[in-house]
Amino acid sequence: HRRLVLPLAFTGGHGVWFLIGVVMTLAIGGGVHAVIEVGVETLVVAAIVAWVYASRSSPSLLVLIAYEAVSIVINVVTFTEVDGALQGVIAVHVGLRLVAIVGAVVALAHRTEFAPTGPS
């Protein structure tokens, strides 16, 4: 449904970027810790996106919002601990997460348009 396109596109696209991050981390000889960290986040994002897509439920959208909000807090803390180049990357992550949150909130506000219906 069109109301789900924005949050799913931004969250799903962000998840694909995490997957690319795993490959890039491996390519530059990154440690196991970094690969596990990015890999787990990729799986979490994939699970949330699949749940929202399959169920079109309020709880799935609320979990998506909560995940993105917690991730923003983590990104803000990380922002203060890295140099200028990485701060730009983190700022983009925060922007993507904010768009996903706004899209999910709008979808929740219009949920009656796409909510699954029971058997007739």
N, C-alpha and C. Protein backbone atom coordinates (compact mmCIF):
# COMPACT_ATOMS: atom_id res chain seq x y z
N HIS A 1 0.84 -1.18 0.00
CA HIS A 1 0.00 0.00 0.00
C HIS A 1 0.88 1.24 0.00
N ARG A 2 0.40 2.27 -0.64
CA ARG A 2 1.19 3.50 -0.77
C ARG A 2 1.60 4.10 0.57
N ARG A 3 0.81 3.91 1.60
CA ARG A 3 1.16 4.46 2.92
C ARG A 3 2.34 3.72 3.55
N LEU A 4 2.62 2.51 3.10
CA LEU A 4 3.73 1.73 3.65
C LEU A 4 5.01 1.89 2.84
N VAL A 5 4.90 2.49 1.67
CA VAL A 5 6.08 2.61 0.80
C VAL A 5 7.21 3.39 1.47
N LEU A 6 6.90 4.55 2.02
CA LEU A 6 7.95 5.40 2.61
C LEU A 6 8.68 4.72 3.76
N PRO A 7 7.98 4.24 4.80
CA PRO A 7 8.76 3.63 5.88
C PRO A 7 9.47 2.34 5.45
N LEU A 8 8.82 1.54 4.61
CA LEU A 8 9.47 0.29 4.19
C LEU A 8 10.63 0.56 3.24
N ALA A 9 10.50 1.52 2.36
CA ALA A 9 11.58 1.83 1.43
C ALA A 9 12.81 2.35 2.17
N PHE A 10 12.60 3.26 3.10
CA PHE A 10 13.75 3.83 3.81
C PHE A 10 14.37 2.84 4.77
N THR A 11 13.54 2.09 5.49
CA THR A 11 14.09 1.11 6.42
C THR A 11 14.71 -0.05 5.66
N GLY A 12 14.03 -0.53 4.63
CA GLY A 12 14.57 -1.64 3.82
C GLY A 12 15.83 -1.23 3.09
N GLY A 13 15.84 -0.05 2.52
CA GLY A 13 17.04 0.45 1.84
C GLY A 13 18.20 0.61 2.79
N HIS A 14 17.90 1.06 3.98
CA HIS A 14 18.93 1.21 5.01
C HIS A 14 19.48 -0.18 5.37
N GLY A 15 18.59 -1.16 5.44
CA GLY A 15 19.02 -2.53 5.72
C GLY A 15 19.92 -3.09 4.62
N VAL A 16 19.59 -2.79 3.38
CA VAL A 16 20.45 -3.21 2.26
C VAL A 16 21.81 -2.55 2.39
N TRP A 17 21.82 -1.28 2.79
CA TRP A 17 23.09 -0.59 2.99
C TRP A 17 23.91 -1.26 4.09
N PHE A 18 23.25 -1.74 5.14
CA PHE A 18 23.96 -2.48 6.20
C PHE A 18 24.58 -3.75 5.62
N LEU A 19 23.85 -4.43 4.76
CA LEU A 19 24.37 -5.64 4.13
C LEU A 19 25.61 -5.31 3.29
N ILE A 20 25.55 -4.22 2.57
CA ILE A 20 26.72 -3.77 1.80
C ILE A 20 27.86 -3.45 2.77
N GLY A 21 27.52 -2.89 3.92
CA GLY A 21 28.52 -2.59 4.94
C GLY A 21 29.23 -3.84 5.44
N VAL A 22 28.50 -4.94 5.56
CA VAL A 22 29.12 -6.21 5.96
C VAL A 22 30.16 -6.62 4.93
N VAL A 23 29.78 -6.56 3.67
CA VAL A 23 30.70 -6.93 2.58
C VAL A 23 31.91 -6.01 2.57
N MET A 24 31.67 -4.71 2.73
CA MET A 24 32.78 -3.75 2.73
C MET A 24 33.70 -3.98 3.93
N THR A 25 33.11 -4.27 5.08
CA THR A 25 33.90 -4.54 6.28
C THR A 25 34.79 -5.75 6.08
N LEU A 26 34.23 -6.79 5.48
CA LEU A 26 35.02 -7.99 5.19
C LEU A 26 36.12 -7.68 4.17
N ALA A 27 35.80 -6.88 3.17
CA ALA A 27 36.76 -6.57 2.11
C ALA A 27 37.97 -5.80 2.62
N ILE A 28 37.75 -4.95 3.63
CA ILE A 28 38.89 -4.16 4.14
C ILE A 28 39.56 -4.84 5.33
N GLY A 29 39.14 -6.06 5.60
CA GLY A 29 39.77 -6.81 6.67
C GLY A 29 39.25 -6.47 8.05
N GLY A 30 38.00 -6.05 8.11
CA GLY A 30 37.40 -5.70 9.39
C GLY A 30 37.31 -6.90 10.32
N GLY A 31 37.25 -6.62 11.58
CA GLY A 31 37.21 -7.67 12.58
C GLY A 31 35.87 -8.36 12.67
N VAL A 32 35.87 -9.48 13.33
CA VAL A 32 34.67 -10.27 13.51
C VAL A 32 33.61 -9.48 14.27
N HIS A 33 34.04 -8.70 15.24
CA HIS A 33 33.09 -7.91 16.03
C HIS A 33 32.28 -6.97 15.14
N ALA A 34 32.96 -6.28 14.23
CA ALA A 34 32.28 -5.34 13.34
C ALA A 34 31.31 -6.06 12.41
N VAL A 35 31.72 -7.21 11.89
CA VAL A 35 30.87 -7.98 10.99
C VAL A 35 29.63 -8.48 11.74
N ILE A 36 29.81 -8.95 12.95
CA ILE A 36 28.67 -9.44 13.74
C ILE A 36 27.72 -8.29 14.06
N GLU A 37 28.27 -7.16 14.45
CA GLU A 37 27.44 -6.00 14.80
C GLU A 37 26.57 -5.57 13.62
N VAL A 38 27.19 -5.41 12.46
CA VAL A 38 26.44 -4.99 11.28
C VAL A 38 25.51 -6.11 10.81
N GLY A 39 25.96 -7.35 10.91
CA GLY A 39 25.13 -8.49 10.50
C GLY A 39 23.87 -8.61 11.34
N VAL A 40 24.00 -8.44 12.65
CA VAL A 40 22.83 -8.53 13.53
C VAL A 40 21.85 -7.41 13.21
N GLU A 41 22.36 -6.21 13.01
CA GLU A 41 21.47 -5.10 12.69
C GLU A 41 20.76 -5.35 11.35
N THR A 42 21.47 -5.92 10.39
CA THR A 42 20.86 -6.25 9.10
C THR A 42 19.71 -7.24 9.28
N LEU A 43 19.92 -8.25 10.11
CA LEU A 43 18.87 -9.24 10.36
C LEU A 43 17.67 -8.62 11.08
N VAL A 44 17.93 -7.76 12.04
CA VAL A 44 16.85 -7.09 12.77
C VAL A 44 16.02 -6.23 11.82
N VAL A 45 16.69 -5.45 10.99
CA VAL A 45 15.98 -4.59 10.04
C VAL A 45 15.16 -5.45 9.07
N ALA A 46 15.76 -6.52 8.56
CA ALA A 46 15.04 -7.40 7.64
C ALA A 46 13.80 -8.00 8.29
N ALA A 47 13.92 -8.41 9.54
CA ALA A 47 12.78 -8.98 10.25
C ALA A 47 11.66 -7.96 10.45
N ILE A 48 12.02 -6.75 10.83
CA ILE A 48 11.01 -5.70 11.05
C ILE A 48 10.32 -5.35 9.74
N VAL A 49 11.09 -5.17 8.67
CA VAL A 49 10.50 -4.84 7.37
C VAL A 49 9.57 -5.96 6.91
N ALA A 50 10.00 -7.21 7.05
CA ALA A 50 9.16 -8.34 6.64
C ALA A 50 7.87 -8.38 7.46
N TRP A 51 7.98 -8.10 8.76
CA TRP A 51 6.80 -8.12 9.63
C TRP A 51 5.81 -7.03 9.22
N VAL A 52 6.31 -5.81 9.00
CA VAL A 52 5.42 -4.72 8.59
C VAL A 52 4.78 -5.07 7.24
N TYR A 53 5.57 -5.55 6.31
CA TYR A 53 5.06 -5.87 4.98
C TYR A 53 3.99 -6.96 5.05
N ALA A 54 4.25 -8.01 5.83
CA ALA A 54 3.34 -9.15 5.88
C ALA A 54 2.08 -8.89 6.71
N SER A 55 2.24 -8.16 7.81
CA SER A 55 1.10 -8.02 8.73
C SER A 55 0.32 -6.72 8.56
N ARG A 56 1.01 -5.67 8.13
CA ARG A 56 0.39 -4.34 8.03
C ARG A 56 -0.30 -3.96 9.34
N SER A 57 0.33 -4.34 10.45
CA SER A 57 -0.27 -4.14 11.77
C SER A 57 0.30 -2.93 12.49
N SER A 58 -0.49 -2.43 13.42
CA SER A 58 -0.01 -1.33 14.27
C SER A 58 1.20 -1.75 15.10
N PRO A 59 1.20 -2.95 15.73
CA PRO A 59 2.38 -3.32 16.51
C PRO A 59 3.66 -3.37 15.67
N SER A 60 3.56 -3.84 14.44
CA SER A 60 4.77 -3.90 13.61
C SER A 60 5.29 -2.50 13.30
N LEU A 61 4.40 -1.56 13.03
CA LEU A 61 4.82 -0.18 12.77
C LEU A 61 5.37 0.47 14.03
N LEU A 62 4.77 0.16 15.18
CA LEU A 62 5.29 0.70 16.44
C LEU A 62 6.69 0.16 16.75
N VAL A 63 6.93 -1.10 16.45
CA VAL A 63 8.27 -1.67 16.64
C VAL A 63 9.26 -1.00 15.69
N LEU A 64 8.85 -0.75 14.45
CA LEU A 64 9.72 -0.06 13.50
C LEU A 64 10.08 1.32 14.04
N ILE A 65 9.10 2.05 14.55
CA ILE A 65 9.35 3.38 15.12
C ILE A 65 10.29 3.29 16.31
N ALA A 66 10.03 2.34 17.21
CA ALA A 66 10.88 2.18 18.40
C ALA A 66 12.31 1.82 18.01
N TYR A 67 12.46 0.90 17.06
CA TYR A 67 13.80 0.51 16.60
C TYR A 67 14.55 1.73 16.07
N GLU A 68 13.90 2.49 15.21
CA GLU A 68 14.56 3.66 14.62
C GLU A 68 14.88 4.70 15.69
N ALA A 69 13.99 4.91 16.65
CA ALA A 69 14.23 5.89 17.72
C ALA A 69 15.42 5.48 18.58
N VAL A 70 15.48 4.22 18.97
CA VAL A 70 16.62 3.73 19.76
C VAL A 70 17.91 3.87 18.96
N SER A 71 17.83 3.54 17.67
CA SER A 71 19.01 3.66 16.82
C SER A 71 19.49 5.10 16.70
N ILE A 72 18.56 6.05 16.67
CA ILE A 72 18.95 7.46 16.62
C ILE A 72 19.71 7.84 17.88
N VAL A 73 19.24 7.38 19.03
CA VAL A 73 19.95 7.67 20.28
C VAL A 73 21.37 7.11 20.21
N ILE A 74 21.50 5.88 19.75
CA ILE A 74 22.83 5.26 19.62
C ILE A 74 23.68 6.05 18.63
N ASN A 75 23.08 6.48 17.51
CA ASN A 75 23.81 7.27 16.53
C ASN A 75 24.29 8.60 17.10
N VAL A 76 23.46 9.24 17.91
CA VAL A 76 23.84 10.52 18.51
C VAL A 76 25.01 10.33 19.46
N VAL A 77 24.97 9.27 20.26
CA VAL A 77 26.08 8.99 21.17
C VAL A 77 27.35 8.72 20.36
N THR A 78 27.22 7.93 19.30
CA THR A 78 28.37 7.61 18.45
C THR A 78 28.91 8.87 17.77
N PHE A 79 28.01 9.77 17.36
CA PHE A 79 28.38 11.01 16.69
C PHE A 79 29.40 11.80 17.52
N THR A 80 29.23 11.78 18.82
CA THR A 80 30.11 12.55 19.69
C THR A 80 31.48 11.88 19.88
N GLU A 81 31.59 10.63 19.44
CA GLU A 81 32.82 9.87 19.67
C GLU A 81 33.68 9.68 18.42
N VAL A 82 33.25 10.20 17.27
CA VAL A 82 33.99 9.97 16.03
C VAL A 82 34.45 11.29 15.43
N ASP A 83 35.31 11.18 14.40
CA ASP A 83 35.84 12.39 13.75
C ASP A 83 34.86 12.93 12.71
N GLY A 84 35.23 14.03 12.09
CA GLY A 84 34.38 14.75 11.15
C GLY A 84 33.84 13.95 10.00
N ALA A 85 34.67 13.11 9.38
CA ALA A 85 34.22 12.35 8.22
C ALA A 85 33.11 11.37 8.60
N LEU A 86 33.29 10.68 9.70
CA LEU A 86 32.27 9.73 10.14
C LEU A 86 31.03 10.43 10.69
N GLN A 87 31.19 11.66 11.17
CA GLN A 87 30.03 12.39 11.66
C GLN A 87 29.04 12.64 10.53
N GLY A 88 29.55 12.90 9.33
CA GLY A 88 28.66 13.09 8.17
C GLY A 88 27.88 11.82 7.85
N VAL A 89 28.56 10.69 7.92
CA VAL A 89 27.90 9.40 7.67
C VAL A 89 26.80 9.16 8.71
N ILE A 90 27.11 9.43 9.95
CA ILE A 90 26.13 9.23 11.02
C ILE A 90 24.95 10.19 10.86
N ALA A 91 25.24 11.42 10.44
CA ALA A 91 24.15 12.38 10.21
C ALA A 91 23.20 11.87 9.13
N VAL A 92 23.73 11.26 8.09
CA VAL A 92 22.89 10.67 7.04
C VAL A 92 22.05 9.53 7.62
N HIS A 93 22.66 8.68 8.44
CA HIS A 93 21.91 7.60 9.09
C HIS A 93 20.75 8.15 9.90
N VAL A 94 20.99 9.20 10.67
CA VAL A 94 19.93 9.80 11.48
C VAL A 94 18.83 10.35 10.57
N GLY A 95 19.21 10.99 9.49
CA GLY A 95 18.21 11.51 8.55
C GLY A 95 17.35 10.41 7.96
N LEU A 96 17.97 9.31 7.55
CA LEU A 96 17.21 8.18 7.01
C LEU A 96 16.26 7.62 8.06
N ARG A 97 16.74 7.52 9.28
CA ARG A 97 15.90 6.99 10.35
C ARG A 97 14.72 7.92 10.65
N LEU A 98 14.95 9.23 10.61
CA LEU A 98 13.86 10.18 10.84
C LEU A 98 12.80 10.08 9.75
N VAL A 99 13.21 9.92 8.51
CA VAL A 99 12.24 9.78 7.42
C VAL A 99 11.43 8.50 7.61
N ALA A 100 12.08 7.41 8.01
CA ALA A 100 11.37 6.15 8.25
C ALA A 100 10.36 6.32 9.38
N ILE A 101 10.74 7.04 10.44
CA ILE A 101 9.81 7.27 11.56
C ILE A 101 8.61 8.09 11.10
N VAL A 102 8.87 9.17 10.39
CA VAL A 102 7.77 10.01 9.91
C VAL A 102 6.84 9.19 9.01
N GLY A 103 7.42 8.40 8.12
CA GLY A 103 6.60 7.56 7.24
C GLY A 103 5.76 6.57 8.01
N ALA A 104 6.34 5.96 9.05
CA ALA A 104 5.60 4.99 9.86
C ALA A 104 4.49 5.67 10.66
N VAL A 105 4.75 6.87 11.17
CA VAL A 105 3.73 7.61 11.91
C VAL A 105 2.57 7.97 10.98
N VAL A 106 2.88 8.42 9.78
CA VAL A 106 1.84 8.74 8.80
C VAL A 106 1.05 7.47 8.44
N ALA A 107 1.75 6.36 8.26
CA ALA A 107 1.07 5.10 7.95
C ALA A 107 0.14 4.71 9.09
N LEU A 108 0.60 4.85 10.33
CA LEU A 108 -0.26 4.55 11.47
C LEU A 108 -1.51 5.43 11.49
N ALA A 109 -1.33 6.68 11.18
CA ALA A 109 -2.45 7.62 11.18
C ALA A 109 -3.50 7.26 10.12
N HIS A 110 -3.08 6.57 9.08
CA HIS A 110 -3.98 6.19 7.98
C HIS A 110 -4.13 4.68 7.87
N ARG A 111 -3.94 3.98 8.97
CA ARG A 111 -3.91 2.52 8.94
C ARG A 111 -5.21 1.90 8.44
N THR A 112 -6.33 2.56 8.63
CA THR A 112 -7.59 1.99 8.17
C THR A 112 -7.61 1.81 6.65
N GLU A 113 -6.77 2.54 5.94
CA GLU A 113 -6.71 2.42 4.48
C GLU A 113 -6.09 1.10 4.02
N PHE A 114 -5.24 0.51 4.86
CA PHE A 114 -4.53 -0.70 4.42
C PHE A 114 -4.59 -1.85 5.41
N ALA A 115 -5.29 -1.66 6.51
CA ALA A 115 -5.37 -2.72 7.53
C ALA A 115 -6.01 -3.97 6.93
N PRO A 116 -5.47 -5.13 7.26
CA PRO A 116 -6.07 -6.36 6.74
C PRO A 116 -7.49 -6.52 7.31
N THR A 117 -8.34 -7.08 6.51
CA THR A 117 -9.71 -7.31 6.96
C THR A 117 -9.91 -8.79 7.25
N GLY A 118 -10.79 -9.05 8.16
CA GLY A 118 -11.08 -10.43 8.53
C GLY A 118 -11.91 -11.12 7.47
N PRO A 119 -12.18 -12.42 7.66
CA PRO A 119 -13.00 -13.16 6.69
C PRO A 119 -14.42 -12.61 6.65
N SER A 120 -14.99 -12.60 5.48
CA SER A 120 -16.34 -12.05 5.32
C SER A 120 -17.39 -13.10 5.54
